């Protein structure tokens, strides 16, 4: 299953999610940002690749649905509600992503391919 993590600038939150989940046996992870100044900017190809899109805040979901209407129409996009308060691989951020993203990933894996 392909999981795309999205935040604003692709500096701290989404790369941390990508790093945490990249060694999972059933998950391929990637990260991107919605801002024009993102380290790796979200693209149509990213959305087409993703089976599950995990965004950090509501504004990221809204931006995706606005900027990528066709690609987002039938996409499973879930908001993790993780504020922009953490550095890359911050211990608290890692714990949050394991818990919140883990629940979303487990849920999707349970229905993946069904």
C-alpha atoms as a PDB file:
ATOM      1  CA  UNK A   1       0.000   0.000   0.000  1.00  0.00           C
ATOM      2  CA  UNK A   2       1.259   3.488  -0.872  1.00  0.00           C
ATOM      3  CA  UNK A   3       0.963   6.133   1.866  1.00  0.00           C
ATOM      4  CA  UNK A   4       1.596   9.803   1.171  1.00  0.00           C
ATOM      5  CA  UNK A   5       2.316  12.134   4.118  1.00  0.00           C
ATOM      6  CA  UNK A   6       1.597  15.814   3.488  1.00  0.00           C
ATOM      7  CA  UNK A   7       2.380  18.974   5.454  1.00  0.00           C
ATOM      8  CA  UNK A   8       3.131  22.536   4.366  1.00  0.00           C
ATOM      9  CA  UNK A   9       6.854  22.748   3.609  1.00  0.00           C
ATOM     10  CA  UNK A  10       7.836  19.064   3.712  1.00  0.00           C
ATOM     11  CA  UNK A  11      10.538  19.787   6.276  1.00  0.00           C
ATOM     12  CA  UNK A  12       9.525  18.218   9.587  1.00  0.00           C
ATOM     13  CA  UNK A  13       6.174  16.493   9.938  1.00  0.00           C
ATOM     14  CA  UNK A  14       5.645  14.735   6.617  1.00  0.00           C
ATOM     15  CA  UNK A  15       9.299  13.606   6.216  1.00  0.00           C
ATOM     16  CA  UNK A  16       9.111  12.195   9.744  1.00  0.00           C
ATOM     17  CA  UNK A  17       6.009  10.199   8.766  1.00  0.00           C
ATOM     18  CA  UNK A  18       7.753   8.968   5.629  1.00  0.00           C
ATOM     19  CA  UNK A  19      10.828   7.919   7.619  1.00  0.00           C
ATOM     20  CA  UNK A  20       8.848   6.098  10.324  1.00  0.00           C
ATOM     21  CA  UNK A  21       6.783   4.040   7.881  1.00  0.00           C
ATOM     22  CA  UNK A  22       9.314   3.350   5.143  1.00  0.00           C
ATOM     23  CA  UNK A  23      10.490   0.085   6.722  1.00  0.00           C
ATOM     24  CA  UNK A  24       6.981  -1.305   7.247  1.00  0.00           C
ATOM     25  CA  UNK A  25       6.595  -4.548   5.296  1.00  0.00           C
ATOM     26  CA  UNK A  26       3.220  -3.622   3.801  1.00  0.00           C
ATOM     27  CA  UNK A  27       3.669   0.129   3.317  1.00  0.00           C
ATOM     28  CA  UNK A  28       5.553   2.259   0.822  1.00  0.00           C
ATOM     29  CA  UNK A  29       5.795   5.837   2.062  1.00  0.00           C
ATOM     30  CA  UNK A  30       6.464   9.194   0.453  1.00  0.00           C
ATOM     31  CA  UNK A  31       6.107  12.793   1.626  1.00  0.00           C
ATOM     32  CA  UNK A  32       5.400  16.172   0.066  1.00  0.00           C
ATOM     33  CA  UNK A  33       4.349  19.704   0.961  1.00  0.00           C
ATOM     34  CA  UNK A  34       1.539  21.944  -0.230  1.00  0.00           C
ATOM     35  CA  UNK A  35       3.488  25.217  -0.114  1.00  0.00           C
ATOM     36  CA  UNK A  36       5.270  26.667  -3.134  1.00  0.00           C
ATOM     37  CA  UNK A  37       8.358  26.764  -0.887  1.00  0.00           C
ATOM     38  CA  UNK A  38       8.117  23.061   0.021  1.00  0.00           C
ATOM     39  CA  UNK A  39      11.312  21.037  -0.061  1.00  0.00           C
ATOM     40  CA  UNK A  40       9.397  18.512  -2.204  1.00  0.00           C
ATOM     41  CA  UNK A  41       6.189  19.945  -3.599  1.00  0.00           C
ATOM     42  CA  UNK A  42       3.040  17.848  -3.907  1.00  0.00           C
ATOM     43  CA  UNK A  43       2.312  16.754  -7.477  1.00  0.00           C
ATOM     44  CA  UNK A  44      -0.391  15.019  -9.460  1.00  0.00           C
ATOM     45  CA  UNK A  45       1.931  12.021  -9.718  1.00  0.00           C
ATOM     46  CA  UNK A  46       2.127  11.813  -5.904  1.00  0.00           C
ATOM     47  CA  UNK A  47      -1.640  11.756  -5.576  1.00  0.00           C
ATOM     48  CA  UNK A  48      -2.064   9.201  -8.349  1.00  0.00           C
ATOM     49  CA  UNK A  49       0.552   7.010  -6.636  1.00  0.00           C
ATOM     50  CA  UNK A  50      -1.063   7.174  -3.172  1.00  0.00           C
ATOM     51  CA  UNK A  51      -3.635   4.732  -1.838  1.00  0.00           C
ATOM     52  CA  UNK A  52      -3.893   6.763   1.377  1.00  0.00           C
ATOM     53  CA  UNK A  53      -3.065  10.446   1.890  1.00  0.00           C
ATOM     54  CA  UNK A  54      -2.336  11.492   5.468  1.00  0.00           C
ATOM     55  CA  UNK A  55      -2.309  15.253   5.971  1.00  0.00           C
ATOM     56  CA  UNK A  56      -1.234  17.016   9.131  1.00  0.00           C
ATOM     57  CA  UNK A  57      -3.944  19.719   9.248  1.00  0.00           C
ATOM     58  CA  UNK A  58      -7.332  20.536   7.707  1.00  0.00           C
ATOM     59  CA  UNK A  59      -5.721  23.259   5.588  1.00  0.00           C
ATOM     60  CA  UNK A  60      -3.635  20.625   3.779  1.00  0.00           C
ATOM     61  CA  UNK A  61      -6.722  18.601   2.890  1.00  0.00           C
ATOM     62  CA  UNK A  62      -8.500  21.737   1.703  1.00  0.00           C
ATOM     63  CA  UNK A  63      -5.513  22.739  -0.431  1.00  0.00           C
ATOM     64  CA  UNK A  64      -5.324  19.305  -2.042  1.00  0.00           C
ATOM     65  CA  UNK A  65      -9.054  19.253  -2.783  1.00  0.00           C
ATOM     66  CA  UNK A  66      -8.820  22.767  -4.248  1.00  0.00           C
ATOM     67  CA  UNK A  67      -5.620  22.412  -6.290  1.00  0.00           C
ATOM     68  CA  UNK A  68      -6.067  18.785  -7.382  1.00  0.00           C
ATOM     69  CA  UNK A  69      -9.835  18.420  -7.744  1.00  0.00           C
ATOM     70  CA  UNK A  70      -9.886  15.504 -10.177  1.00  0.00           C
ATOM     71  CA  UNK A  71      -7.140  13.530  -8.429  1.00  0.00           C
ATOM     72  CA  UNK A  72      -8.581  14.129  -4.953  1.00  0.00           C
ATOM     73  CA  UNK A  73     -12.196  13.337  -5.850  1.00  0.00           C
ATOM     74  CA  UNK A  74     -11.982   9.631  -4.970  1.00  0.00           C
ATOM     75  CA  UNK A  75      -8.856   9.728  -2.816  1.00  0.00           C
ATOM     76  CA  UNK A  76      -8.787   8.559   0.804  1.00  0.00           C
ATOM     77  CA  UNK A  77      -7.482  11.724   2.508  1.00  0.00           C
ATOM     78  CA  UNK A  78      -7.340  11.728   6.301  1.00  0.00           C
ATOM     79  CA  UNK A  79      -6.445  14.593   8.630  1.00  0.00           C
ATOM     80  CA  UNK A  80      -4.108  13.656  11.506  1.00  0.00           C
ATOM     81  CA  UNK A  81      -4.520  16.946  13.434  1.00  0.00           C
ATOM     82  CA  UNK A  82      -0.803  17.302  14.145  1.00  0.00           C
ATOM     83  CA  UNK A  83       0.170  20.981  14.588  1.00  0.00           C
ATOM     84  CA  UNK A  84       3.348  22.529  13.204  1.00  0.00           C
ATOM     85  CA  UNK A  85       5.167  22.449  16.554  1.00  0.00           C
ATOM     86  CA  UNK A  86       7.809  19.787  16.010  1.00  0.00           C
ATOM     87  CA  UNK A  87      11.238  19.352  14.466  1.00  0.00           C
ATOM     88  CA  UNK A  88      12.164  16.423  12.209  1.00  0.00           C
ATOM     89  CA  UNK A  89      12.096  13.128  14.150  1.00  0.00           C
ATOM     90  CA  UNK A  90      11.122  14.866  17.429  1.00  0.00           C
ATOM     91  CA  UNK A  91      10.277  12.122  19.933  1.00  0.00           C
ATOM     92  CA  UNK A  92       6.762  13.440  20.607  1.00  0.00           C
ATOM     93  CA  UNK A  93       6.089  13.778  16.869  1.00  0.00           C
ATOM     94  CA  UNK A  94       7.279  10.216  16.250  1.00  0.00           C
ATOM     95  CA  UNK A  95       4.944   8.950  18.976  1.00  0.00           C
ATOM     96  CA  UNK A  96       1.991  10.929  17.579  1.00  0.00           C
ATOM     97  CA  UNK A  97       2.606   9.679  14.057  1.00  0.00           C
ATOM     98  CA  UNK A  98       2.948   6.083  15.204  1.00  0.00           C
ATOM     99  CA  UNK A  99      -0.360   6.321  17.079  1.00  0.00           C
ATOM    100  CA  UNK A 100      -2.528   8.476  14.820  1.00  0.00           C
ATOM    101  CA  UNK A 101      -1.089   7.556  11.429  1.00  0.00           C
ATOM    102  CA  UNK A 102      -0.764   3.955  12.597  1.00  0.00           C
ATOM    103  CA  UNK A 103      -4.492   3.737  13.254  1.00  0.00           C
ATOM    104  CA  UNK A 104      -5.294   5.166   9.803  1.00  0.00           C
ATOM    105  CA  UNK A 105      -2.787   2.854   8.104  1.00  0.00           C
ATOM    106  CA  UNK A 106      -4.066  -0.220   9.968  1.00  0.00           C
ATOM    107  CA  UNK A 107      -7.636   0.723   9.033  1.00  0.00           C
ATOM    108  CA  UNK A 108      -6.715   1.095   5.354  1.00  0.00           C
ATOM    109  CA  UNK A 109      -4.663  -2.109   5.340  1.00  0.00           C
ATOM    110  CA  UNK A 110      -7.682  -3.978   6.708  1.00  0.00           C
ATOM    111  CA  UNK A 111      -9.721  -2.941   3.660  1.00  0.00           C
ATOM    112  CA  UNK A 112      -6.893  -2.687   1.133  1.00  0.00           C
ATOM    113  CA  UNK A 113      -7.534  -4.799  -1.909  1.00  0.00           C
ATOM    114  CA  UNK A 114     -10.976  -5.811  -0.644  1.00  0.00           C
END
